[in-house]
């Protein structure tokens, strides 16, 4: 478990793909406690990443700090950006707004045109950073935080993520190319604006692009 930043109130860690964000055996809080060398440390999840997604994640130390950061998530003061590699050639930049329905039985999210119970608006914007071999590298700013939002919205437009297994029929033979790239928030104690960023590992398909 790689820890990027640690103080008495927060921890910035790098979540490996296929590790759960939640506090259960093998989940991020447990792994962070192991890295701290304190199995009784009060480490709490503030936001979640899909199990298959890797990258930066903030965890709070103690309930009060977790509450402050959770309010920032709800109020839009907590900003997350992702990097993704998708199949196809995306526009230079764009916005996506959809109504999403979560099918809990199938554990999948779908775009719908019909407002109904459980249907939520999903919004994101993106910028294309590079293109090669019929793939595009995009930087994504989430404006809402729906389950599988990025994966569903891009796939619904014919741009499934490379390595996608739920929303694509393509066989890429790699982990999903979706990475939690940057976090920006106010420190729960000092109020200082804090910014962290980390590029994905130099593996396919990331290695096809010059990521700075």
C-alpha atoms as a PDB file:
ATOM      1  CA  UNK A   1       0.000   0.000   0.000  1.00  0.00           C
ATOM      2  CA  UNK A   2       1.555   3.279  -1.157  1.00  0.00           C
ATOM      3  CA  UNK A   3       0.812   6.321   1.014  1.00  0.00           C
ATOM      4  CA  UNK A   4       1.305   9.680  -0.719  1.00  0.00           C
ATOM      5  CA  UNK A   5       0.534  11.953   2.246  1.00  0.00           C
ATOM      6  CA  UNK A   6      -0.138  11.360   5.945  1.00  0.00           C
ATOM      7  CA  UNK A   7      -0.983  13.706   8.807  1.00  0.00           C
ATOM      8  CA  UNK A   8      -3.107  13.459  11.939  1.00  0.00           C
ATOM      9  CA  UNK A   9      -6.342  14.069  10.028  1.00  0.00           C
ATOM     10  CA  UNK A  10      -6.117  12.631   6.506  1.00  0.00           C
ATOM     11  CA  UNK A  11      -4.299  10.054   4.422  1.00  0.00           C
ATOM     12  CA  UNK A  12      -3.822  10.088   0.651  1.00  0.00           C
ATOM     13  CA  UNK A  13      -3.227   6.561  -0.599  1.00  0.00           C
ATOM     14  CA  UNK A  14      -2.949   4.823  -3.951  1.00  0.00           C
ATOM     15  CA  UNK A  15      -5.750   2.297  -4.349  1.00  0.00           C
ATOM     16  CA  UNK A  16      -4.698  -0.751  -6.357  1.00  0.00           C
ATOM     17  CA  UNK A  17      -7.196  -2.100  -8.911  1.00  0.00           C
ATOM     18  CA  UNK A  18      -9.532  -4.821  -7.588  1.00  0.00           C
ATOM     19  CA  UNK A  19      -9.303  -3.628  -3.979  1.00  0.00           C
ATOM     20  CA  UNK A  20     -12.541  -2.580  -2.285  1.00  0.00           C
ATOM     21  CA  UNK A  21     -12.880   1.023  -1.094  1.00  0.00           C
ATOM     22  CA  UNK A  22     -14.976   0.077   1.922  1.00  0.00           C
ATOM     23  CA  UNK A  23     -13.974  -1.036   5.412  1.00  0.00           C
ATOM     24  CA  UNK A  24     -14.008  -4.804   5.196  1.00  0.00           C
ATOM     25  CA  UNK A  25     -11.361  -7.535   5.069  1.00  0.00           C
ATOM     26  CA  UNK A  26      -8.880  -6.609   2.373  1.00  0.00           C
ATOM     27  CA  UNK A  27     -10.466  -3.182   1.824  1.00  0.00           C
ATOM     28  CA  UNK A  28      -8.648   0.128   1.704  1.00  0.00           C
ATOM     29  CA  UNK A  29      -9.046   1.120   5.381  1.00  0.00           C
ATOM     30  CA  UNK A  30      -7.599  -2.211   6.497  1.00  0.00           C
ATOM     31  CA  UNK A  31      -4.671  -1.952   4.078  1.00  0.00           C
ATOM     32  CA  UNK A  32      -3.965   1.615   5.217  1.00  0.00           C
ATOM     33  CA  UNK A  33      -3.985   0.531   8.863  1.00  0.00           C
ATOM     34  CA  UNK A  34      -1.437  -2.149   7.972  1.00  0.00           C
ATOM     35  CA  UNK A  35       0.711   0.453   6.210  1.00  0.00           C
ATOM     36  CA  UNK A  36       0.524   2.707   9.279  1.00  0.00           C
ATOM     37  CA  UNK A  37       1.457  -0.192  11.533  1.00  0.00           C
ATOM     38  CA  UNK A  38      -1.639   0.370  13.679  1.00  0.00           C
ATOM     39  CA  UNK A  39      -4.449  -2.149  13.268  1.00  0.00           C
ATOM     40  CA  UNK A  40      -6.678  -0.075  15.576  1.00  0.00           C
ATOM     41  CA  UNK A  41      -6.275   3.235  13.725  1.00  0.00           C
ATOM     42  CA  UNK A  42      -9.569   5.024  13.053  1.00  0.00           C
ATOM     43  CA  UNK A  43      -9.377   5.184   9.245  1.00  0.00           C
ATOM     44  CA  UNK A  44     -12.563   5.907   7.327  1.00  0.00           C
ATOM     45  CA  UNK A  45     -13.605   5.927   3.689  1.00  0.00           C
ATOM     46  CA  UNK A  46     -14.792   9.329   2.434  1.00  0.00           C
ATOM     47  CA  UNK A  47     -15.422   8.547  -1.235  1.00  0.00           C
ATOM     48  CA  UNK A  48     -15.463   5.347  -3.253  1.00  0.00           C
ATOM     49  CA  UNK A  49     -13.782   4.109  -6.384  1.00  0.00           C
ATOM     50  CA  UNK A  50     -15.131   1.165  -8.361  1.00  0.00           C
ATOM     51  CA  UNK A  51     -13.424  -2.029  -7.303  1.00  0.00           C
ATOM     52  CA  UNK A  52     -11.629  -2.368 -10.658  1.00  0.00           C
ATOM     53  CA  UNK A  53     -10.367   1.250 -10.614  1.00  0.00           C
ATOM     54  CA  UNK A  54      -7.012   2.328  -9.217  1.00  0.00           C
ATOM     55  CA  UNK A  55      -5.520   5.670  -8.265  1.00  0.00           C
ATOM     56  CA  UNK A  56      -5.621   8.379  -5.628  1.00  0.00           C
ATOM     57  CA  UNK A  57      -8.019   8.060  -2.722  1.00  0.00           C
ATOM     58  CA  UNK A  58      -8.390  10.116   0.444  1.00  0.00           C
ATOM     59  CA  UNK A  59      -9.205   8.512   3.795  1.00  0.00           C
ATOM     60  CA  UNK A  60     -10.105  10.356   6.978  1.00  0.00           C
ATOM     61  CA  UNK A  61      -8.673   9.765  10.428  1.00  0.00           C
ATOM     62  CA  UNK A  62     -11.603   9.903  12.826  1.00  0.00           C
ATOM     63  CA  UNK A  63     -15.309  10.563  12.508  1.00  0.00           C
ATOM     64  CA  UNK A  64     -15.154  14.362  12.680  1.00  0.00           C
ATOM     65  CA  UNK A  65     -12.718  14.625   9.769  1.00  0.00           C
ATOM     66  CA  UNK A  66     -14.763  12.107   7.788  1.00  0.00           C
ATOM     67  CA  UNK A  67     -17.902  14.200   8.294  1.00  0.00           C
ATOM     68  CA  UNK A  68     -16.193  17.417   7.147  1.00  0.00           C
ATOM     69  CA  UNK A  69     -14.837  15.779   4.006  1.00  0.00           C
ATOM     70  CA  UNK A  70     -18.144  14.058   3.278  1.00  0.00           C
ATOM     71  CA  UNK A  71     -19.882  17.435   3.358  1.00  0.00           C
ATOM     72  CA  UNK A  72     -17.316  18.746   0.874  1.00  0.00           C
ATOM     73  CA  UNK A  73     -18.153  15.839  -1.441  1.00  0.00           C
ATOM     74  CA  UNK A  74     -21.868  16.621  -1.158  1.00  0.00           C
ATOM     75  CA  UNK A  75     -21.402  20.384  -1.612  1.00  0.00           C
ATOM     76  CA  UNK A  76     -19.056  20.189  -4.575  1.00  0.00           C
ATOM     77  CA  UNK A  77     -15.930  21.486  -2.800  1.00  0.00           C
ATOM     78  CA  UNK A  78     -14.258  18.115  -3.278  1.00  0.00           C
ATOM     79  CA  UNK A  79     -13.013  17.735  -6.863  1.00  0.00           C
ATOM     80  CA  UNK A  80     -11.908  14.504  -8.532  1.00  0.00           C
ATOM     81  CA  UNK A  81     -10.410  14.096 -11.972  1.00  0.00           C
ATOM     82  CA  UNK A  82      -9.860  10.839 -13.787  1.00  0.00           C
ATOM     83  CA  UNK A  83      -7.791   9.665 -16.716  1.00  0.00           C
ATOM     84  CA  UNK A  84      -9.249   7.069 -19.064  1.00  0.00           C
ATOM     85  CA  UNK A  85      -8.342   5.425 -22.335  1.00  0.00           C
ATOM     86  CA  UNK A  86     -11.350   4.728 -24.522  1.00  0.00           C
ATOM     87  CA  UNK A  87     -11.863   3.018 -27.852  1.00  0.00           C
ATOM     88  CA  UNK A  88     -12.522   5.436 -30.712  1.00  0.00           C
ATOM     89  CA  UNK A  89     -11.656   9.055 -31.379  1.00  0.00           C
ATOM     90  CA  UNK A  90     -13.377  11.467 -29.011  1.00  0.00           C
ATOM     91  CA  UNK A  91     -13.902  15.169 -29.674  1.00  0.00           C
ATOM     92  CA  UNK A  92     -11.250  17.579 -28.382  1.00  0.00           C
ATOM     93  CA  UNK A  93     -13.523  18.290 -25.411  1.00  0.00           C
ATOM     94  CA  UNK A  94     -17.131  17.790 -24.444  1.00  0.00           C
ATOM     95  CA  UNK A  95     -19.827  17.468 -21.822  1.00  0.00           C
ATOM     96  CA  UNK A  96     -22.053  14.499 -21.079  1.00  0.00           C
ATOM     97  CA  UNK A  97     -25.401  14.746 -19.333  1.00  0.00           C
ATOM     98  CA  UNK A  98     -27.635  11.695 -18.993  1.00  0.00           C
ATOM     99  CA  UNK A  99     -30.300  10.136 -16.845  1.00  0.00           C
ATOM    100  CA  UNK A 100     -28.888   6.966 -15.322  1.00  0.00           C
ATOM    101  CA  UNK A 101     -30.741   3.974 -13.935  1.00  0.00           C
ATOM    102  CA  UNK A 102     -28.984   1.526 -11.640  1.00  0.00           C
ATOM    103  CA  UNK A 103     -30.029  -2.123 -12.057  1.00  0.00           C
ATOM    104  CA  UNK A 104     -29.045  -3.534  -8.672  1.00  0.00           C
ATOM    105  CA  UNK A 105     -29.798  -7.125  -9.659  1.00  0.00           C
ATOM    106  CA  UNK A 106     -27.397  -6.962 -12.630  1.00  0.00           C
ATOM    107  CA  UNK A 107     -25.004  -4.558 -10.853  1.00  0.00           C
ATOM    108  CA  UNK A 108     -24.985  -2.338 -13.931  1.00  0.00           C
ATOM    109  CA  UNK A 109     -25.923   1.250 -14.798  1.00  0.00           C
ATOM    110  CA  UNK A 110     -27.893   2.217 -17.903  1.00  0.00           C
ATOM    111  CA  UNK A 111     -28.752   5.447 -19.716  1.00  0.00           C
ATOM    112  CA  UNK A 112     -32.500   6.065 -19.893  1.00  0.00           C
ATOM    113  CA  UNK A 113     -34.740   8.740 -21.410  1.00  0.00           C
ATOM    114  CA  UNK A 114     -37.480   8.212 -18.848  1.00  0.00           C
ATOM    115  CA  UNK A 115     -37.521   9.943 -15.434  1.00  0.00           C
ATOM    116  CA  UNK A 116     -38.552   7.440 -12.794  1.00  0.00           C
ATOM    117  CA  UNK A 117     -37.889   6.378  -9.228  1.00  0.00           C
ATOM    118  CA  UNK A 118     -34.196   5.721  -8.794  1.00  0.00           C
ATOM    119  CA  UNK A 119     -33.201   7.536 -11.983  1.00  0.00           C
ATOM    120  CA  UNK A 120     -30.551  10.211 -11.395  1.00  0.00           C
ATOM    121  CA  UNK A 121     -28.953  12.883 -13.542  1.00  0.00           C
ATOM    122  CA  UNK A 122     -25.267  12.325 -14.301  1.00  0.00           C
ATOM    123  CA  UNK A 123     -22.917  15.037 -15.584  1.00  0.00           C
ATOM    124  CA  UNK A 124     -19.268  15.076 -16.548  1.00  0.00           C
ATOM    125  CA  UNK A 125     -16.922  16.999 -18.815  1.00  0.00           C
ATOM    126  CA  UNK A 126     -13.822  15.761 -20.566  1.00  0.00           C
ATOM    127  CA  UNK A 127     -10.765  16.896 -22.490  1.00  0.00           C
ATOM    128  CA  UNK A 128      -8.948  14.709 -25.004  1.00  0.00           C
ATOM    129  CA  UNK A 129      -5.213  14.640 -24.285  1.00  0.00           C
ATOM    130  CA  UNK A 130      -4.090  12.294 -27.051  1.00  0.00           C
ATOM    131  CA  UNK A 131      -5.122   9.814 -29.737  1.00  0.00           C
ATOM    132  CA  UNK A 132      -3.391   6.716 -31.118  1.00  0.00           C
ATOM    133  CA  UNK A 133      -4.314   3.348 -32.631  1.00  0.00           C
ATOM    134  CA  UNK A 134      -8.039   4.191 -32.640  1.00  0.00           C
ATOM    135  CA  UNK A 135      -7.912   4.988 -28.923  1.00  0.00           C
ATOM    136  CA  UNK A 136      -8.229   8.286 -27.066  1.00  0.00           C
ATOM    137  CA  UNK A 137      -6.761   9.415 -23.764  1.00  0.00           C
ATOM    138  CA  UNK A 138      -9.224  11.641 -21.924  1.00  0.00           C
ATOM    139  CA  UNK A 139      -9.138  13.647 -18.701  1.00  0.00           C
ATOM    140  CA  UNK A 140     -12.508  13.625 -16.976  1.00  0.00           C
ATOM    141  CA  UNK A 141     -14.045  16.016 -14.473  1.00  0.00           C
ATOM    142  CA  UNK A 142     -16.992  14.508 -12.620  1.00  0.00           C
ATOM    143  CA  UNK A 143     -19.820  16.870 -11.679  1.00  0.00           C
ATOM    144  CA  UNK A 144     -21.905  14.090 -10.136  1.00  0.00           C
ATOM    145  CA  UNK A 145     -20.830  10.814  -8.582  1.00  0.00           C
ATOM    146  CA  UNK A 146     -23.088   8.058  -9.866  1.00  0.00           C
ATOM    147  CA  UNK A 147     -22.100   4.397  -9.755  1.00  0.00           C
ATOM    148  CA  UNK A 148     -20.231   3.388 -12.932  1.00  0.00           C
ATOM    149  CA  UNK A 149     -20.991   6.848 -14.333  1.00  0.00           C
ATOM    150  CA  UNK A 150     -17.865   7.270 -16.473  1.00  0.00           C
ATOM    151  CA  UNK A 151     -17.940   3.710 -17.737  1.00  0.00           C
ATOM    152  CA  UNK A 152     -21.626   3.852 -18.656  1.00  0.00           C
ATOM    153  CA  UNK A 153     -21.698   7.325 -20.211  1.00  0.00           C
ATOM    154  CA  UNK A 154     -18.705   6.770 -22.500  1.00  0.00           C
ATOM    155  CA  UNK A 155     -19.841   3.282 -23.529  1.00  0.00           C
ATOM    156  CA  UNK A 156     -23.337   4.556 -24.356  1.00  0.00           C
ATOM    157  CA  UNK A 157     -21.757   6.888 -26.941  1.00  0.00           C
ATOM    158  CA  UNK A 158     -19.662   4.180 -28.565  1.00  0.00           C
ATOM    159  CA  UNK A 159     -16.474   4.872 -26.588  1.00  0.00           C
ATOM    160  CA  UNK A 160     -16.107   1.923 -24.185  1.00  0.00           C
ATOM    161  CA  UNK A 161     -13.115   2.093 -21.894  1.00  0.00           C
ATOM    162  CA  UNK A 162     -10.161  -0.082 -22.805  1.00  0.00           C
ATOM    163  CA  UNK A 163     -10.159  -3.107 -20.508  1.00  0.00           C
ATOM    164  CA  UNK A 164     -13.876  -2.718 -19.779  1.00  0.00           C
ATOM    165  CA  UNK A 165     -15.688  -5.975 -19.070  1.00  0.00           C
ATOM    166  CA  UNK A 166     -19.181  -4.871 -18.033  1.00  0.00           C
ATOM    167  CA  UNK A 167     -20.013  -2.283 -20.690  1.00  0.00           C
ATOM    168  CA  UNK A 168     -18.002  -3.558 -23.668  1.00  0.00           C
ATOM    169  CA  UNK A 169     -17.840  -6.709 -25.767  1.00  0.00           C
ATOM    170  CA  UNK A 170     -14.214  -6.062 -26.793  1.00  0.00           C
ATOM    171  CA  UNK A 171     -11.413  -8.245 -25.442  1.00  0.00           C
ATOM    172  CA  UNK A 172      -8.491  -6.021 -24.476  1.00  0.00           C
ATOM    173  CA  UNK A 173      -6.583  -8.323 -22.154  1.00  0.00           C
ATOM    174  CA  UNK A 174      -5.719  -5.625 -19.606  1.00  0.00           C
ATOM    175  CA  UNK A 175      -7.092  -3.954 -16.505  1.00  0.00           C
ATOM    176  CA  UNK A 176      -9.681  -1.256 -17.091  1.00  0.00           C
ATOM    177  CA  UNK A 177      -8.017   1.987 -18.213  1.00  0.00           C
ATOM    178  CA  UNK A 178      -9.641   4.258 -15.635  1.00  0.00           C
ATOM    179  CA  UNK A 179      -7.467   5.983 -13.055  1.00  0.00           C
ATOM    180  CA  UNK A 180      -8.225   8.386 -10.203  1.00  0.00           C
ATOM    181  CA  UNK A 181      -5.753  11.035 -11.302  1.00  0.00           C
ATOM    182  CA  UNK A 182      -6.240  14.067  -9.042  1.00  0.00           C
ATOM    183  CA  UNK A 183      -7.922  15.172  -5.826  1.00  0.00           C
ATOM    184  CA  UNK A 184      -8.598  18.726  -4.671  1.00  0.00           C
ATOM    185  CA  UNK A 185     -10.226  19.580  -1.344  1.00  0.00           C
ATOM    186  CA  UNK A 186     -10.013  21.727   1.771  1.00  0.00           C
ATOM    187  CA  UNK A 187      -8.101  20.249   4.680  1.00  0.00           C
ATOM    188  CA  UNK A 188     -10.725  19.304   7.303  1.00  0.00           C
ATOM    189  CA  UNK A 189      -8.827  21.011  10.136  1.00  0.00           C
ATOM    190  CA  UNK A 190      -6.888  23.926   8.614  1.00  0.00           C
ATOM    191  CA  UNK A 191      -9.154  24.768   5.677  1.00  0.00           C
ATOM    192  CA  UNK A 192      -6.097  24.903   3.404  1.00  0.00           C
ATOM    193  CA  UNK A 193      -6.755  23.976  -0.214  1.00  0.00           C
ATOM    194  CA  UNK A 194      -4.862  20.787  -1.023  1.00  0.00           C
ATOM    195  CA  UNK A 195      -4.158  19.310  -4.448  1.00  0.00           C
ATOM    196  CA  UNK A 196      -2.705  15.920  -5.305  1.00  0.00           C
ATOM    197  CA  UNK A 197      -2.144  14.229  -8.654  1.00  0.00           C
ATOM    198  CA  UNK A 198      -0.585  10.954  -9.767  1.00  0.00           C
ATOM    199  CA  UNK A 199      -0.216   9.497 -13.252  1.00  0.00           C
ATOM    200  CA  UNK A 200      -1.121   5.849 -13.897  1.00  0.00           C
ATOM    201  CA  UNK A 201       1.504   3.102 -14.162  1.00  0.00           C
ATOM    202  CA  UNK A 202       3.468   2.790 -17.424  1.00  0.00           C
ATOM    203  CA  UNK A 203       1.493  -0.235 -18.583  1.00  0.00           C
ATOM    204  CA  UNK A 204      -0.733  -0.889 -21.599  1.00  0.00           C
ATOM    205  CA  UNK A 205      -2.740   1.051 -22.688  1.00  0.00           C
ATOM    206  CA  UNK A 206      -1.326   4.009 -20.704  1.00  0.00           C
ATOM    207  CA  UNK A 207       2.079   3.334 -22.214  1.00  0.00           C
ATOM    208  CA  UNK A 208       0.685   4.207 -25.658  1.00  0.00           C
ATOM    209  CA  UNK A 209       0.469   7.847 -24.602  1.00  0.00           C
ATOM    210  CA  UNK A 210       2.879  10.466 -23.341  1.00  0.00           C
ATOM    211  CA  UNK A 211       1.308  11.189 -19.960  1.00  0.00           C
ATOM    212  CA  UNK A 212       2.859  14.070 -18.018  1.00  0.00           C
END
